[in-house]
Amino acid sequence: MRVTLQPSGAVLDTLPGEPILNAAQRLGYECPQSCRNGNCHVCAALLVEGRVQQAGEMRDHGEIYTCLAQPQEDCVVLWDGVLALGELPVRSVVCQLTECSEMGGDVWRVRLRAPAGKPPRYYAGQYVMLERENGEKSAFSLASAPHAGRDLELHVLVREDSARRLIEQLQRNAMIRVEMPFGDTHLSQLPDGPLVLIAAGTGMAQMHSLIEHCREKGFPHPVHLYWGVRRPEDFYTLEEWDAWQSIPNLHLHKVVSDLCGWEGRCGLLHEAVCEDIHDLSAVYVYASGSPAMVYGTLDALVAAGMDAHQMRADVFAYSPRP
């Protein structure tokens, strides 16, 4: 039988006599339930369409217990809290400030510690929302990787008043409410092939998380990082940079776009990528920057032979191109 879950839209194909909860868990979904802890009713849902058999009774509407309900025909069930494969629950936690320091290039390192108990769950490459004193929320990529546990790291560019006020709020209160995780440009699973990471400015925070995750997991394929800024002084200091340089399969490139004449590379990020990697057919590309930068990079790499589906960026979700 086929069970459609609302509001997620997930569709479960159940086996004969199989309860809905068992089918969802067999298919890899994370479901609200606490049967083994003796807490009943946690798995309750609302039967909208269809018929189920539950504890010897036939039901065609109303509340059901998914741990008992066996579909007798195709059903529609309203069941909140079901997470799709690889999806993580969004949580709101109050974090303690443990560090707020300048990194150079007008960028500040913000380190937060989540409450003890359940450590925050996220994938490398995801982002958080920080709640300001006026209730507004601001998005920042996580520079930390999941193995850091309770410790979260952000890189904040402080050139505008709004960012300056956020830093002042953190320093004044030493606490802030954080919602997480968000974003589908992440490494829930490591790819079986080379990675190309393209970052503009503090887009480096997201790539920092990806690199640290690959480093922790012993990722065997080449990783090419291209970090671009307008001027050399816009590069900020990363504590792990020296250690990264000793990793054999990690290739680091800094690129300056507006001011040539320094000792490093000049030009646009996609130009550096195409100059170094002549065959883009087998790479997995992650990009972080402004919409104009990301879409310009996408177009250039597609023109150079990359399939558009090989590139991932949060921009595609929050600023889709017509």
Protein backbone atom coordinates (compact mmCIF):
# COMPACT_ATOMS: atom_id res chain seq x y z
CA MET A 1 0.00 0.00 0.00
CA ARG A 2 1.08 3.58 -0.62
CA VAL A 3 0.98 6.11 2.24
CA THR A 4 1.40 9.81 1.44
CA LEU A 5 2.61 11.90 4.37
CA GLN A 6 1.57 15.51 4.82
CA PRO A 7 2.89 18.17 5.07
CA SER A 8 6.24 16.69 3.92
CA GLY A 9 4.81 15.06 0.78
CA ALA A 10 6.84 11.90 1.37
CA VAL A 11 5.41 8.70 -0.10
CA LEU A 12 5.90 5.35 1.66
CA ASP A 13 5.42 1.98 0.00
CA THR A 14 4.44 -0.32 2.85
CA LEU A 15 4.73 -4.10 2.96
CA PRO A 16 1.67 -6.29 3.68
CA GLY A 17 0.80 -6.02 7.37
CA GLU A 18 3.54 -3.47 8.03
CA PRO A 19 2.73 -0.54 10.38
CA ILE A 20 3.29 2.94 8.96
CA LEU A 21 6.06 3.75 11.46
CA ASN A 22 7.98 0.59 10.59
CA ALA A 23 7.75 1.37 6.88
CA ALA A 24 9.01 4.92 7.38
CA GLN A 25 11.96 3.77 9.46
CA ARG A 26 12.78 0.97 7.01
CA LEU A 27 12.93 3.56 4.22
CA GLY A 28 15.29 5.79 6.19
CA TYR A 29 12.95 8.49 7.52
CA GLU A 30 13.41 10.02 10.95
CA CYS A 31 10.05 9.94 12.73
CA PRO A 32 8.65 11.22 16.02
CA GLN A 33 8.36 8.19 18.28
CA SER A 34 9.44 6.99 21.70
CA CYS A 35 7.84 3.56 21.94
CA ARG A 36 10.93 1.87 23.36
CA ASN A 37 11.08 4.44 26.15
CA GLY A 38 7.49 3.71 27.13
CA ASN A 39 6.21 7.10 25.91
CA CYS A 40 3.04 6.42 23.98
CA HIS A 41 1.16 8.84 21.68
CA VAL A 42 4.44 10.40 20.40
CA CYS A 43 3.96 8.72 17.00
CA ALA A 44 0.32 9.82 16.69
CA ALA A 45 -0.89 11.11 13.31
CA LEU A 46 -4.16 12.04 11.63
CA LEU A 47 -5.67 9.74 9.00
CA VAL A 48 -7.03 11.99 6.23
CA GLU A 49 -7.85 9.44 3.50
CA GLY A 50 -7.92 5.67 3.28
CA ARG A 51 -8.35 2.86 5.82
CA VAL A 52 -6.00 1.31 8.37
CA GLN A 53 -6.27 -1.57 10.78
CA GLN A 54 -5.17 -0.70 14.31
CA ALA A 55 -5.25 -3.13 17.25
CA GLY A 56 -7.90 -5.22 15.53
CA GLU A 57 -10.11 -2.23 14.61
CA MET A 58 -10.71 -0.75 11.16
CA ARG A 59 -10.37 3.06 10.99
CA ASP A 60 -11.04 5.42 8.11
CA HIS A 61 -10.47 8.80 9.80
CA GLY A 62 -9.19 10.48 12.96
CA GLU A 63 -6.13 9.98 15.14
CA ILE A 64 -4.05 6.86 14.63
CA TYR A 65 -0.89 5.47 16.16
CA THR A 66 1.59 4.89 13.34
CA CYS A 67 3.37 2.18 15.35
CA LEU A 68 0.18 0.07 15.15
CA ALA A 69 -1.73 1.31 12.07
CA GLN A 70 -1.47 -1.06 9.10
CA PRO A 71 -2.75 0.41 5.80
CA GLN A 72 -5.53 -1.55 4.11
CA GLU A 73 -5.51 0.70 1.04
CA ASP A 74 -3.65 3.78 -0.19
CA CYS A 75 -3.77 6.43 2.54
CA VAL A 76 -3.04 10.09 3.21
CA VAL A 77 -1.75 10.80 6.72
CA LEU A 78 -1.05 14.15 8.41
CA TRP A 79 2.12 13.46 10.42
CA ASP A 80 4.24 16.38 11.57
CA GLY A 81 7.92 16.07 12.39
CA VAL A 82 8.84 13.44 9.80
CA LEU A 83 12.23 14.20 8.26
CA ALA A 84 13.20 13.11 4.76
CA LEU A 85 16.34 11.15 4.06
CA GLY A 86 19.34 13.23 5.09
CA GLU A 87 17.19 16.06 6.45
CA LEU A 88 17.99 17.41 9.91
CA PRO A 89 15.54 19.07 12.32
CA VAL A 90 15.81 22.85 12.72
CA ARG A 91 16.45 23.76 16.36
CA SER A 92 16.59 27.05 18.20
CA VAL A 93 19.22 27.26 20.94
CA VAL A 94 20.83 30.01 22.98
CA CYS A 95 24.60 29.87 22.53
CA GLN A 96 27.37 31.33 24.66
CA LEU A 97 30.00 33.57 23.08
CA THR A 98 33.49 32.12 23.61
CA GLU A 99 35.49 34.28 21.19
CA CYS A 100 34.98 37.46 19.20
CA SER A 101 38.24 38.59 17.60
CA GLU A 102 39.56 40.28 14.46
CA MET A 103 41.04 38.08 11.73
CA GLY A 104 42.18 40.83 9.34
CA GLY A 105 40.44 42.15 6.26
CA ASP A 106 37.65 43.63 8.45
CA VAL A 107 36.54 40.08 9.29
CA TRP A 108 35.79 38.91 12.82
CA ARG A 109 35.90 35.34 14.08
CA VAL A 110 32.85 34.56 16.21
CA ARG A 111 32.93 31.35 18.22
CA LEU A 112 29.82 30.15 20.00
CA ARG A 113 29.17 27.20 22.28
CA ALA A 114 25.83 25.40 22.19
CA PRO A 115 24.23 24.19 25.44
CA ALA A 116 25.37 20.93 26.98
CA GLY A 117 23.27 17.87 26.32
CA LYS A 118 22.41 17.29 22.70
CA PRO A 119 25.16 18.74 20.48
CA PRO A 120 23.96 20.72 17.45
CA ARG A 121 23.33 18.60 14.38
CA TYR A 122 24.36 19.93 10.99
CA TYR A 123 26.23 19.00 7.84
CA ALA A 124 29.48 20.59 6.73
CA GLY A 125 28.59 23.56 4.54
CA GLN A 126 25.29 24.53 6.17
CA TYR A 127 24.44 27.90 7.71
CA VAL A 128 22.71 29.34 10.79
CA MET A 129 20.39 32.25 11.56
CA LEU A 130 21.42 34.62 14.36
CA GLU A 131 18.64 36.50 16.13
CA ARG A 132 19.27 40.20 16.69
CA GLU A 133 17.89 42.21 19.60
CA ASN A 134 15.13 43.66 17.38
CA GLY A 135 13.99 40.14 16.42
CA GLU A 136 15.45 40.21 12.92
CA LYS A 137 17.55 37.24 11.81
CA SER A 138 20.79 37.19 9.85
CA ALA A 139 22.30 34.24 7.99
CA PHE A 140 25.93 33.20 8.40
CA SER A 141 27.76 30.15 7.05
CA LEU A 142 29.27 27.82 9.59
CA ALA A 143 33.05 27.67 9.35
CA SER A 144 33.13 24.82 11.86
CA ALA A 145 32.57 21.19 10.89
CA PRO A 146 30.26 18.71 12.65
CA HIS A 147 33.08 16.97 14.52
CA ALA A 148 33.60 20.21 16.50
CA GLY A 149 30.57 19.24 18.58
CA ARG A 150 29.12 22.10 20.61
CA ASP A 151 31.58 24.68 19.25
CA LEU A 152 30.39 26.73 16.29
CA GLU A 153 32.50 29.20 14.29
CA LEU A 154 31.39 32.06 12.02
CA HIS A 155 33.33 34.62 9.95
CA VAL A 156 31.62 38.02 9.97
CA LEU A 157 32.60 40.83 7.59
CA VAL A 158 32.27 44.07 9.57
CA ARG A 159 32.10 46.92 7.06
CA GLU A 160 28.46 47.91 7.40
CA ASP A 161 26.59 49.28 10.39
CA SER A 162 24.36 46.21 10.65
CA ALA A 163 27.35 43.90 11.05
CA ARG A 164 28.98 46.29 13.50
CA ARG A 165 25.83 46.34 15.63
CA LEU A 166 25.76 42.53 15.64
CA ILE A 167 29.34 42.35 16.92
CA GLU A 168 28.52 44.92 19.58
CA GLN A 169 25.45 42.90 20.60
CA LEU A 170 27.56 39.77 20.96
CA GLN A 171 30.21 41.52 23.00
CA ARG A 172 27.60 43.14 25.24
CA ASN A 173 25.38 40.12 25.89
CA ALA A 174 27.86 37.22 25.45
CA MET A 175 24.83 35.13 24.39
CA ILE A 176 22.72 34.87 21.25
CA ARG A 177 19.85 32.76 19.97
CA VAL A 178 20.76 30.56 17.00
CA GLU A 179 18.48 28.65 14.63
CA MET A 180 20.11 25.81 12.70
CA PRO A 181 20.78 24.11 10.39
CA PHE A 182 19.81 25.56 7.00
CA GLY A 183 21.02 25.07 3.43
CA ASP A 184 21.34 22.18 1.02
CA THR A 185 24.87 22.98 -0.18
CA HIS A 186 26.55 20.57 2.17
CA LEU A 187 28.48 17.32 2.45
CA SER A 188 26.01 14.95 4.06
CA GLN A 189 27.81 12.36 1.95
CA LEU A 190 31.31 12.67 0.53
CA PRO A 191 31.40 12.44 -3.28
CA ASP A 192 33.41 9.85 -5.14
CA GLY A 193 35.56 12.30 -7.06
CA PRO A 194 37.55 15.56 -6.90
CA LEU A 195 36.12 18.64 -5.19
CA VAL A 196 36.49 22.19 -6.47
CA LEU A 197 35.66 24.79 -3.80
CA ILE A 198 35.18 28.38 -4.98
CA ALA A 199 34.83 31.15 -2.39
CA ALA A 200 34.59 34.91 -2.63
CA GLY A 201 35.43 36.87 0.53
CA THR A 202 33.82 35.43 3.65
CA GLY A 203 32.32 32.72 1.47
CA MET A 204 35.53 31.10 2.69
CA ALA A 205 33.69 30.22 5.91
CA GLN A 206 31.57 27.63 4.13
CA MET A 207 34.62 26.18 2.37
CA HIS A 208 36.48 26.10 5.70
CA SER A 209 33.75 23.80 7.01
CA LEU A 210 33.93 21.55 3.94
CA ILE A 211 37.72 21.27 4.09
CA GLU A 212 37.77 20.52 7.81
CA HIS A 213 35.12 17.84 7.29
CA CYS A 214 37.10 16.24 4.45
CA ARG A 215 40.22 16.40 6.59
CA GLU A 216 38.46 14.69 9.50
CA LYS A 217 37.01 11.95 7.25
CA GLY A 218 40.24 11.29 5.34
CA PHE A 219 38.76 12.26 1.96
CA PRO A 220 41.01 10.51 -0.63
CA HIS A 221 40.28 12.59 -3.76
CA PRO A 222 41.91 15.92 -4.72
CA VAL A 223 40.39 19.08 -3.25
CA HIS A 224 41.04 22.37 -5.08
CA LEU A 225 40.28 25.56 -3.14
CA TYR A 226 40.02 28.90 -4.97
CA TRP A 227 39.63 31.85 -2.60
CA GLY A 228 39.08 35.22 -4.23
CA VAL A 229 39.07 38.81 -2.93
CA ARG A 230 39.26 42.26 -4.52
CA ARG A 231 42.51 43.35 -2.84
CA PRO A 232 45.30 41.35 -1.16
CA GLU A 233 44.56 42.94 2.21
CA ASP A 234 41.04 41.48 2.06
CA PHE A 235 42.41 38.01 2.79
CA TYR A 236 42.00 37.20 6.46
CA THR A 237 44.01 34.85 8.66
CA LEU A 238 42.91 31.24 8.99
CA GLU A 239 44.48 29.29 11.84
CA GLU A 240 44.39 26.05 9.85
CA TRP A 241 46.02 27.40 6.66
CA ASP A 242 49.54 26.19 7.45
CA ALA A 243 48.29 22.74 8.39
CA TRP A 244 46.24 22.61 5.18
CA GLN A 245 49.36 23.28 3.11
CA SER A 246 50.85 19.98 4.29
CA ILE A 247 47.87 17.91 3.09
CA PRO A 248 48.98 16.18 -0.15
CA ASN A 249 45.61 16.18 -1.95
CA LEU A 250 44.59 19.73 -0.92
CA HIS A 251 45.53 22.45 -3.41
CA LEU A 252 45.18 26.05 -2.19
CA HIS A 253 44.86 29.06 -4.48
CA LYS A 254 44.39 32.72 -3.55
CA VAL A 255 43.19 35.00 -6.35
CA VAL A 256 42.92 38.81 -6.40
CA SER A 257 40.50 40.35 -8.89
CA ASP A 258 40.97 44.13 -8.76
CA LEU A 259 44.57 44.86 -7.85
CA CYS A 260 47.25 43.03 -9.75
CA GLY A 261 50.93 43.34 -9.00
CA TRP A 262 50.97 41.35 -5.80
CA GLU A 263 52.97 38.13 -5.55
CA GLY A 264 49.98 35.84 -6.13
CA ARG A 265 47.44 35.15 -8.87
CA CYS A 266 45.23 37.82 -10.41
CA GLY A 267 41.97 37.64 -12.30
CA LEU A 268 38.57 36.05 -11.79
CA LEU A 269 38.00 32.82 -9.91
CA HIS A 270 36.52 30.90 -12.83
CA GLU A 271 39.54 31.88 -14.95
CA ALA A 272 41.88 30.31 -12.39
CA VAL A 273 39.78 27.16 -12.24
CA CYS A 274 39.73 26.74 -16.02
CA GLU A 275 43.44 27.45 -16.23
CA ASP A 276 44.26 24.66 -13.77
CA ILE A 277 41.59 22.04 -14.52
CA HIS A 278 41.16 21.34 -18.20
CA ASP A 279 38.63 18.52 -17.80
CA LEU A 280 35.67 19.62 -15.65
CA SER A 281 33.51 16.61 -16.46
CA ALA A 282 34.32 14.66 -13.29
CA VAL A 283 34.55 17.34 -10.57
CA TYR A 284 32.06 18.35 -7.90
CA VAL A 285 31.91 22.14 -7.54
CA TYR A 286 30.80 24.09 -4.46
CA ALA A 287 30.62 27.88 -4.72
CA SER A 288 29.95 30.64 -2.22
CA GLY A 289 29.64 34.35 -2.94
CA SER A 290 27.23 36.94 -4.27
CA PRO A 291 24.54 35.90 -6.78
CA ALA A 292 26.37 37.75 -9.58
CA MET A 293 29.64 35.98 -8.78
CA VAL A 294 28.04 32.53 -8.45
CA TYR A 295 25.99 32.74 -11.64
CA GLY A 296 28.92 34.23 -13.56
CA THR A 297 31.08 31.33 -12.39
CA LEU A 298 28.38 28.80 -13.30
CA ASP A 299 28.06 30.15 -16.84
CA ALA A 300 31.82 30.23 -17.37
CA LEU A 301 32.36 26.68 -16.10
CA VAL A 302 29.45 25.31 -18.14
CA ALA A 303 30.97 26.97 -21.22
CA ALA A 304 34.25 25.22 -20.33
CA GLY A 305 32.61 21.80 -20.27
CA MET A 306 31.09 21.34 -16.82
CA ASP A 307 27.57 19.94 -16.48
CA ALA A 308 25.48 22.54 -14.61
CA HIS A 309 24.24 19.83 -12.21
CA GLN A 310 27.79 19.38 -10.90
CA MET A 311 27.77 22.77 -9.15
CA ARG A 312 26.07 23.53 -5.85
CA ALA A 313 25.55 26.90 -4.17
CA ASP A 314 23.11 28.31 -1.63
CA VAL A 315 22.49 31.17 -4.06
CA PHE A 316 20.50 28.78 -6.26
CA ALA A 317 17.93 28.43 -3.44
CA TYR A 318 17.71 31.96 -1.99
CA SER A 319 18.23 33.90 -5.23
CA PRO A 320 17.04 31.73 -8.12
CA ARG A 321 17.74 33.01 -11.59
CA PRO A 322 14.77 33.31 -13.99
